[in-house]
Amino acid sequence: MESRKILVWFRNDLRLHDNEMLVEAISKSDSILPVYFFDPRHFECTAETEEENIAVHNRFQFLAESVSALRESLKKLGGNLLVISGTPEDHISALAEHYEIAEVYHHREVATEETTVSSNVEDLLWKLRINLKHFIGHTLYNKEDLPFPIKDIPDVFPQFKKKTERDAIVKDCFPAPEQINFVPVEEWGELPECGGPFLTNLSGGEEEGIKHLQELFAPGSEIYIRSSKAHAAQHSFASKLSPWLAVGALSPRKVYWAVKEAEQQFGANTHFTQLILGLLWRDFFRFMFKKHSVDYFKDIVEIKEFPQTGEYLQSLQQWKDGNTGNPVVDQYMTELNQSGFISHTGRLLVATYLIYILKLNWIDGAGYFEQKLIDYSPASNWGNWAYVAGGGKDTRSKNAFDLDKQIKLLDIEVQDI
């Protein structure tokens, strides 16, 4: 009897734990072929300036470490990860034919570029009569467990939050597989190198992500400090889990259940609430992209053209360089440029400054964040920027963007630096 082989196409899901796609591929096949593509459209290694190089290298290094960690985890199970430098469209048909693949599994993304890649690959595989099976494994709530279909998801966050928390459940994590049969491969491929300065102090990979999560909830950790409102405003707590969530080295459900376990042990906490709220916002923006695609922005904020005058470009460059003259903005932008990460509070403040003080185009700010962030995720980045630019139109929401508060925070933090 001919053996059934499934190609498991890893994307932003670089983990063994809580990976339904991987669990199902193992159960529905005799052997699997795990593959990762370093797509040159997304992962360039060179940039024009040294500063841009730092950003490129930071993100690439974190990603490469995460891919390498997945490879090592698969090696411990007697297999490996096939690493290919090139686009999925250029290689996946040949792989499917060469290894006599019966089906391809992958996680579907929500942003336009990523969904286009999926559609292209699906068309290519269809010509070979091979099915591309889609999984949605990046969110806290599975779409099929939501109390409404995607087309009826509320466009206002408080309604989405209220209904999901009331009527939907967060499922348990899928356990990491303990045994896998792998398709034999002669040459598994080398990870590309991207030499040059790495300034981020975060290491990629599932093991590192879990370690960071455990340290976050270790006894005596900052997460247990109950801060006053004044303290919270000036010294925002940042879990720094987002880089691992962005590449899928950590599952949002694993974070959720870590919070719930800590709540049972230590009681409620504002930082716990903040973490869960962050996961819900992350879900909300992904589902909004799924529902509206890029049209979502038009519902939040008016898209305007800004004349690219010399004065405009100078102001934008000063903001990018952390040279605005506002100490708190400059501090955050310098941190972003060097490490590829700033706290959520920092992101709100520098966005507020660009949009409402400098009166520049929010799209330029979001685009710069896309270049710099090691935790870049299209839905969260562009959704957050559009939300700030729209001024938080839902006046009924205590979670709506508060411009006056952000301006006051800029003044408060300047005085304390």
Protein backbone atom coordinates (compact mmCIF):
# COMPACT_ATOMS: atom_id res chain seq x y z
CA MET A 1 0.00 0.00 0.00
CA GLU A 2 1.36 3.44 -0.95
CA SER A 3 2.31 5.56 2.05
CA ARG A 4 0.55 8.89 2.55
CA LYS A 5 2.91 11.88 2.86
CA ILE A 6 1.88 15.37 3.97
CA LEU A 7 4.03 18.46 3.44
CA VAL A 8 3.81 20.74 6.48
CA TRP A 9 4.53 24.29 5.32
CA PHE A 10 5.68 26.29 8.35
CA ARG A 11 5.20 30.05 8.24
CA ASN A 12 4.53 32.18 11.35
CA ASP A 13 3.91 29.06 13.45
CA LEU A 14 7.44 28.04 14.44
CA ARG A 15 6.62 25.75 17.34
CA LEU A 16 5.68 22.21 18.32
CA HIS A 17 3.33 23.09 21.20
CA ASP A 18 -0.30 24.01 20.48
CA ASN A 19 0.09 23.42 16.75
CA GLU A 20 -3.12 21.85 15.44
CA MET A 21 -1.79 21.81 11.88
CA LEU A 22 1.18 19.67 12.92
CA VAL A 23 -0.90 17.38 15.15
CA GLU A 24 -3.42 16.73 12.38
CA ALA A 25 -0.72 16.22 9.74
CA ILE A 26 0.88 13.56 11.90
CA SER A 27 -2.43 11.81 12.54
CA LYS A 28 -3.55 11.89 8.88
CA SER A 29 -0.28 10.72 7.30
CA ASP A 30 2.30 7.95 7.36
CA SER A 31 5.07 10.56 7.31
CA ILE A 32 5.45 14.34 7.10
CA LEU A 33 7.82 16.68 5.29
CA PRO A 34 8.31 19.88 7.34
CA VAL A 35 9.38 22.84 5.15
CA TYR A 36 10.27 26.49 5.75
CA PHE A 37 10.86 29.03 2.97
CA PHE A 38 13.08 32.05 3.48
CA ASP A 39 11.15 34.20 1.02
CA PRO A 40 13.39 36.96 -0.40
CA ARG A 41 10.33 39.20 -0.80
CA HIS A 42 10.09 39.40 2.99
CA PHE A 43 13.59 38.80 4.32
CA GLU A 44 16.21 40.96 2.73
CA CYS A 45 19.66 41.06 4.30
CA THR A 46 20.94 44.39 3.04
CA ALA A 47 19.80 47.96 3.45
CA GLU A 48 21.04 51.35 2.29
CA THR A 49 22.11 52.76 5.66
CA GLU A 50 23.74 51.32 8.76
CA GLU A 51 20.64 52.15 10.79
CA GLU A 52 18.42 50.26 8.34
CA ASN A 53 20.88 47.37 8.43
CA ILE A 54 20.48 47.13 12.20
CA ALA A 55 16.69 46.86 11.83
CA VAL A 56 16.95 44.25 9.07
CA HIS A 57 19.50 42.23 10.99
CA ASN A 58 17.58 42.36 14.28
CA ARG A 59 14.44 40.95 12.71
CA PHE A 60 16.28 38.44 10.54
CA GLN A 61 18.33 37.21 13.49
CA PHE A 62 15.24 36.65 15.63
CA LEU A 63 13.51 34.81 12.79
CA ALA A 64 16.58 32.72 11.93
CA GLU A 65 17.00 31.73 15.57
CA SER A 66 13.34 30.69 15.67
CA VAL A 67 13.63 28.59 12.50
CA SER A 68 16.88 27.03 13.75
CA ALA A 69 15.23 26.20 17.09
CA LEU A 70 12.34 24.48 15.30
CA ARG A 71 14.86 22.49 13.27
CA GLU A 72 16.63 21.37 16.45
CA SER A 73 13.32 20.34 18.05
CA LEU A 74 12.47 18.22 15.00
CA LYS A 75 15.94 16.69 15.03
CA LYS A 76 15.34 15.49 18.59
CA LEU A 77 12.34 13.60 17.22
CA GLY A 78 14.48 11.92 14.59
CA GLY A 79 13.79 14.27 11.70
CA ASN A 80 14.67 17.72 10.46
CA LEU A 81 13.28 20.83 8.80
CA LEU A 82 13.73 21.33 5.06
CA VAL A 83 14.96 24.92 4.67
CA ILE A 84 14.71 26.57 1.24
CA SER A 85 15.88 30.05 0.29
CA GLY A 86 13.30 31.11 -2.28
CA THR A 87 9.59 31.68 -2.75
CA PRO A 88 7.01 28.97 -2.05
CA GLU A 89 5.61 29.50 -5.55
CA ASP A 90 8.97 28.67 -7.14
CA HIS A 91 9.58 25.46 -5.20
CA ILE A 92 6.48 23.85 -3.73
CA SER A 93 5.22 22.12 -6.89
CA ALA A 94 8.59 20.46 -7.51
CA LEU A 95 8.76 19.37 -3.86
CA ALA A 96 5.26 17.91 -4.01
CA GLU A 97 6.07 15.94 -7.15
CA HIS A 98 9.53 14.79 -6.06
CA TYR A 99 8.39 13.51 -2.66
CA GLU A 100 5.00 12.25 -3.90
CA ILE A 101 3.09 14.46 -1.49
CA ALA A 102 -0.61 13.69 -1.01
CA GLU A 103 -1.59 16.98 0.65
CA VAL A 104 -0.05 20.25 1.90
CA TYR A 105 -0.96 21.79 5.26
CA HIS A 106 -0.34 25.41 6.21
CA HIS A 107 -1.58 28.27 8.39
CA ARG A 108 -3.44 30.90 6.45
CA GLU A 109 -2.53 34.53 7.12
CA VAL A 110 -4.83 37.57 6.94
CA ALA A 111 -2.76 40.34 5.33
CA THR A 112 -2.92 40.84 1.57
CA GLU A 113 0.64 39.84 0.64
CA GLU A 114 0.51 36.63 2.68
CA THR A 115 -2.95 35.60 1.47
CA THR A 116 -1.84 36.19 -2.11
CA VAL A 117 1.05 33.77 -1.58
CA SER A 118 -1.41 31.19 -0.25
CA SER A 119 -3.70 31.63 -3.25
CA ASN A 120 -0.80 31.35 -5.69
CA VAL A 121 0.41 28.15 -4.06
CA GLU A 122 -3.12 26.74 -3.95
CA ASP A 123 -3.47 27.32 -7.71
CA LEU A 124 -0.14 25.63 -8.44
CA LEU A 125 -0.97 22.61 -6.30
CA TRP A 126 -4.43 22.31 -7.81
CA LYS A 127 -2.83 21.73 -11.20
CA LEU A 128 -1.20 18.68 -9.62
CA ARG A 129 -4.53 17.66 -8.02
CA ILE A 130 -3.02 18.26 -4.58
CA ASN A 131 -5.09 19.98 -1.88
CA LEU A 132 -3.76 22.88 0.20
CA LYS A 133 -5.43 22.62 3.59
CA HIS A 134 -5.79 25.85 5.58
CA PHE A 135 -5.47 26.17 9.34
CA ILE A 136 -6.07 29.25 11.50
CA GLY A 137 -3.76 28.91 14.47
CA HIS A 138 -2.61 32.42 15.31
CA THR A 139 -5.50 33.59 17.47
CA LEU A 140 -6.66 33.06 21.02
CA TYR A 141 -10.14 32.13 19.85
CA ASN A 142 -10.66 29.74 16.95
CA LYS A 143 -12.89 31.35 14.34
CA GLU A 144 -15.30 28.37 14.49
CA ASP A 145 -15.68 28.91 18.25
CA LEU A 146 -16.67 32.58 17.96
CA PRO A 147 -20.32 33.41 18.74
CA PHE A 148 -20.71 34.91 15.26
CA PRO A 149 -19.48 34.16 11.73
CA ILE A 150 -16.56 36.23 10.42
CA LYS A 151 -18.88 38.40 8.30
CA ASP A 152 -20.89 39.37 11.42
CA ILE A 153 -18.00 40.07 13.81
CA PRO A 154 -18.64 43.42 15.54
CA ASP A 155 -16.49 46.21 14.13
CA VAL A 156 -16.26 47.81 17.56
CA PHE A 157 -13.75 46.25 19.96
CA PRO A 158 -15.84 46.44 23.20
CA GLN A 159 -18.69 44.51 21.53
CA PHE A 160 -16.24 41.92 20.20
CA LYS A 161 -14.61 41.61 23.64
CA LYS A 162 -17.91 41.35 25.53
CA LYS A 163 -19.43 38.72 23.28
CA THR A 164 -16.35 36.54 22.93
CA GLU A 165 -15.57 36.56 26.65
CA ARG A 166 -19.20 35.79 27.45
CA ASP A 167 -20.07 33.25 24.75
CA ALA A 168 -16.82 31.69 23.50
CA ILE A 169 -14.23 29.53 25.21
CA VAL A 170 -10.46 29.46 24.92
CA LYS A 171 -9.51 25.89 24.13
CA ASP A 172 -6.74 23.95 25.81
CA CYS A 173 -3.39 23.84 24.06
CA PHE A 174 -2.57 20.91 21.81
CA PRO A 175 0.32 18.97 23.34
CA ALA A 176 3.61 18.94 21.49
CA PRO A 177 4.01 15.68 19.54
CA GLU A 178 6.29 13.11 21.11
CA GLN A 179 6.73 10.98 18.00
CA ILE A 180 6.86 11.90 14.29
CA ASN A 181 7.59 9.88 11.17
CA PHE A 182 9.52 11.96 8.65
CA VAL A 183 9.83 11.73 4.90
CA PRO A 184 13.47 10.79 4.13
CA VAL A 185 15.42 13.74 2.68
CA GLU A 186 19.02 13.65 1.50
CA GLU A 187 19.82 17.36 1.85
CA TRP A 188 17.84 19.44 4.36
CA GLY A 189 19.31 22.80 3.32
CA GLU A 190 21.20 25.51 5.15
CA LEU A 191 19.84 28.55 6.92
CA PRO A 192 20.82 31.77 5.11
CA GLU A 193 23.18 34.09 6.94
CA CYS A 194 22.70 37.79 7.49
CA GLY A 195 25.88 39.18 9.01
CA GLY A 196 26.01 42.53 10.70
CA PRO A 197 25.11 44.23 13.96
CA PHE A 198 22.46 42.60 16.16
CA LEU A 199 21.37 44.91 18.95
CA THR A 200 18.21 43.20 20.20
CA ASN A 201 18.65 41.35 23.49
CA LEU A 202 15.87 38.85 22.75
CA SER A 203 16.60 35.38 21.37
CA GLY A 204 14.24 33.63 18.98
CA GLY A 205 12.82 30.12 19.25
CA GLU A 206 10.12 28.15 21.00
CA GLU A 207 12.30 27.18 23.95
CA GLU A 208 13.37 30.79 24.51
CA GLY A 209 9.75 31.96 24.25
CA ILE A 210 8.56 29.45 26.83
CA LYS A 211 11.50 30.34 29.07
CA HIS A 212 10.59 34.03 28.82
CA LEU A 213 6.96 33.20 29.64
CA GLN A 214 8.01 31.16 32.68
CA GLU A 215 10.31 33.93 33.91
CA LEU A 216 7.50 36.43 33.44
CA PHE A 217 5.35 34.48 35.93
CA ALA A 218 8.14 33.39 38.28
CA PRO A 219 7.59 34.34 41.96
CA GLY A 220 8.80 37.87 42.63
CA SER A 221 8.47 38.92 38.98
CA GLU A 222 7.44 42.47 38.05
CA ILE A 223 4.11 41.15 36.79
CA TYR A 224 2.92 40.67 40.40
CA ILE A 225 3.60 44.28 41.42
CA ARG A 226 0.26 46.00 41.92
CA SER A 227 0.87 49.49 40.59
CA SER A 228 -1.20 52.62 41.15
CA LYS A 229 -2.68 54.43 38.17
CA ALA A 230 -0.05 57.15 38.40
CA HIS A 231 2.77 54.61 38.53
CA ALA A 232 1.27 52.62 35.66
CA ALA A 233 1.00 55.73 33.51
CA GLN A 234 4.68 56.59 33.84
CA HIS A 235 6.22 53.14 34.16
CA SER A 236 4.30 50.91 31.80
CA PHE A 237 4.69 47.17 32.19
CA ALA A 238 5.81 45.35 29.04
CA SER A 239 5.70 41.56 28.89
CA LYS A 240 7.84 41.52 25.69
CA LEU A 241 6.06 38.34 24.57
CA SER A 242 5.06 39.82 21.20
CA PRO A 243 8.21 38.84 19.21
CA TRP A 244 7.61 35.13 19.94
CA LEU A 245 3.89 35.51 19.28
CA ALA A 246 4.62 37.22 15.95
CA VAL A 247 6.69 34.31 14.57
CA GLY A 248 4.49 31.73 16.27
CA ALA A 249 7.19 30.44 18.60
CA LEU A 250 4.62 31.01 21.36
CA SER A 251 0.92 30.29 21.05
CA PRO A 252 -1.50 32.94 22.38
CA ARG A 253 -3.39 30.16 24.16
CA LYS A 254 -0.26 29.16 26.04
CA VAL A 255 0.09 32.75 27.25
CA TYR A 256 -3.61 32.88 28.18
CA TRP A 257 -3.49 29.72 30.26
CA ALA A 258 -0.28 30.88 31.97
CA VAL A 259 -2.18 34.02 33.03
CA LYS A 260 -5.15 31.98 34.26
CA GLU A 261 -2.89 29.69 36.26
CA ALA A 262 -1.22 32.69 37.90
CA GLU A 263 -4.62 34.21 38.66
CA GLN A 264 -5.70 31.04 40.44
CA GLN A 265 -2.52 31.06 42.50
CA PHE A 266 -2.08 34.77 43.22
CA GLY A 267 -5.44 36.42 42.51
CA ALA A 268 -6.43 39.10 40.01
CA ASN A 269 -3.87 41.64 38.87
CA THR A 270 -3.93 44.68 36.56
CA HIS A 271 -0.97 43.29 34.61
CA PHE A 272 -2.82 40.00 34.05
CA THR A 273 -5.79 41.99 32.74
CA GLN A 274 -3.48 43.97 30.48
CA LEU A 275 -1.98 40.78 29.01
CA ILE A 276 -5.38 39.25 28.24
CA LEU A 277 -6.56 42.55 26.77
CA GLY A 278 -3.49 42.60 24.51
CA LEU A 279 -4.32 39.09 23.26
CA LEU A 280 -7.92 40.14 22.58
CA TRP A 281 -6.84 43.22 20.62
CA ARG A 282 -4.48 40.99 18.65
CA ASP A 283 -7.42 38.67 17.80
CA PHE A 284 -9.68 41.61 16.98
CA PHE A 285 -7.32 43.14 14.43
CA ARG A 286 -6.67 39.77 12.78
CA PHE A 287 -10.40 39.05 12.49
CA MET A 288 -11.01 42.57 11.16
CA PHE A 289 -8.43 41.92 8.43
CA LYS A 290 -10.12 38.60 7.73
CA LYS A 291 -13.52 40.31 7.47
CA HIS A 292 -12.61 43.53 5.63
CA SER A 293 -9.09 43.04 4.23
CA VAL A 294 -7.35 46.43 3.81
CA ASP A 295 -10.74 48.14 3.46
CA TYR A 296 -10.83 47.97 7.26
CA PHE A 297 -8.68 51.12 7.44
CA LYS A 298 -11.24 53.18 5.53
CA ASP A 299 -13.81 52.46 8.24
CA ILE A 300 -11.48 53.69 11.00
CA VAL A 301 -9.73 56.68 9.54
CA GLU A 302 -9.93 58.85 6.44
CA ILE A 303 -7.08 58.07 4.04
CA LYS A 304 -5.59 61.41 2.98
CA GLU A 305 -2.77 62.45 0.68
CA PHE A 306 0.03 64.46 2.28
CA PRO A 307 2.25 66.69 0.11
CA GLN A 308 5.82 65.40 0.33
CA THR A 309 7.44 68.81 0.78
CA GLY A 310 10.96 69.31 2.05
CA GLU A 311 9.57 70.44 5.41
CA TYR A 312 7.35 67.35 5.63
CA LEU A 313 10.20 64.97 4.85
CA GLN A 314 12.49 66.72 7.33
CA SER A 315 9.93 66.40 10.14
CA LEU A 316 9.36 62.74 9.29
CA GLN A 317 13.09 62.03 9.28
CA GLN A 318 13.57 63.77 12.63
CA TRP A 319 10.82 61.60 14.08
CA LYS A 320 12.42 58.46 12.61
CA ASP A 321 15.87 59.41 13.92
CA GLY A 322 14.64 60.25 17.42
CA ASN A 323 15.61 63.87 16.88
CA THR A 324 12.32 65.72 17.43
CA GLY A 325 13.40 67.64 20.53
CA ASN A 326 10.76 65.90 22.65
CA PRO A 327 12.79 63.77 25.10
CA VAL A 328 10.24 60.98 25.58
CA VAL A 329 9.56 60.58 21.86
CA ASP A 330 13.26 60.67 21.06
CA GLN A 331 14.02 58.11 23.76
CA TYR A 332 11.42 55.68 22.45
CA MET A 333 12.43 56.13 18.81
CA THR A 334 16.10 55.58 19.67
CA GLU A 335 15.12 52.39 21.50
CA LEU A 336 13.06 51.26 18.50
CA ASN A 337 15.92 51.94 16.09
CA GLN A 338 18.43 50.06 18.20
CA SER A 339 16.48 47.09 19.52
CA GLY A 340 13.46 46.74 17.25
CA PHE A 341 11.12 46.87 20.24
CA ILE A 342 9.28 49.43 22.38
CA SER A 343 6.39 49.00 24.80
CA HIS A 344 2.76 49.43 23.76
CA THR A 345 2.66 52.71 25.71
CA GLY A 346 5.72 53.88 23.79
CA ARG A 347 4.07 53.00 20.48
CA LEU A 348 0.95 54.99 21.37
CA LEU A 349 3.02 58.00 22.43
CA VAL A 350 5.25 58.20 19.35
CA ALA A 351 2.23 57.63 17.11
CA THR A 352 0.33 60.39 18.91
CA TYR A 353 3.26 62.73 18.44
CA LEU A 354 3.62 61.97 14.71
CA ILE A 355 -0.10 62.28 13.93
CA TYR A 356 -1.33 65.03 16.23
CA ILE A 357 1.74 67.14 17.07
CA LEU A 358 3.77 66.89 13.87
CA LYS A 359 0.60 66.39 11.80
CA LEU A 360 2.22 63.82 9.52
CA ASN A 361 0.64 60.90 7.69
CA TRP A 362 -0.02 57.91 9.97
CA ILE A 363 0.75 55.61 7.03
CA ASP A 364 4.37 56.83 7.05
CA GLY A 365 4.59 55.99 10.75
CA ALA A 366 3.06 52.54 10.32
CA GLY A 367 5.38 51.86 7.39
CA TYR A 368 8.42 52.79 9.46
CA PHE A 369 7.30 50.47 12.26
CA GLU A 370 6.91 47.72 9.66
CA GLN A 371 10.59 48.16 8.80
CA LYS A 372 11.83 48.26 12.38
CA LEU A 373 9.79 46.00 14.66
CA ILE A 374 11.09 42.51 15.43
CA ASP A 375 7.53 41.67 16.49
CA TYR A 376 6.00 43.04 13.29
CA SER A 377 2.59 41.59 12.56
CA PRO A 378 0.59 43.26 9.76
CA ALA A 379 -2.83 43.21 11.42
CA SER A 380 -1.66 44.48 14.81
CA ASN A 381 0.73 47.11 13.48
CA TRP A 382 -1.52 48.67 10.85
CA GLY A 383 -4.65 48.18 12.94
CA ASN A 384 -3.12 49.98 15.94
CA TRP A 385 -1.82 52.88 13.85
CA ALA A 386 -5.17 53.32 12.10
CA TYR A 387 -6.93 53.21 15.46
CA VAL A 388 -4.72 55.99 16.86
CA ALA A 389 -5.15 58.03 13.66
CA GLY A 390 -8.92 57.62 13.89
CA GLY A 391 -8.91 58.93 17.43
CA GLY A 392 -10.72 55.90 18.84
CA LYS A 393 -14.10 56.68 17.32
CA ASP A 394 -16.11 54.54 19.73
CA THR A 395 -16.92 56.99 22.54
CA ARG A 396 -18.61 54.26 24.59
CA SER A 397 -15.39 52.33 24.99
CA LYS A 398 -13.11 52.77 27.96
CA ASN A 399 -10.53 51.03 25.77
CA ALA A 400 -10.84 53.62 23.00
CA PHE A 401 -7.81 55.68 22.12
CA ASP A 402 -7.70 58.75 24.38
CA LEU A 403 -5.83 61.60 22.68
CA ASP A 404 -5.99 63.97 25.64
CA LYS A 405 -4.53 61.31 27.91
CA GLN A 406 -1.70 60.60 25.47
CA ILE A 407 -0.80 64.29 25.18
CA LYS A 408 -0.75 64.61 28.98
CA LEU A 409 1.43 61.51 29.22
CA LEU A 410 3.92 63.10 26.84
CA ASP A 411 4.14 66.08 29.18
CA ILE A 412 4.29 63.96 32.35
CA GLU A 413 7.00 61.66 31.06
CA VAL A 414 9.08 64.57 29.72
CA GLN A 415 9.19 66.07 33.20
CA ASP A 416 10.38 62.80 34.72
CA ILE A 417 13.20 62.00 32.27
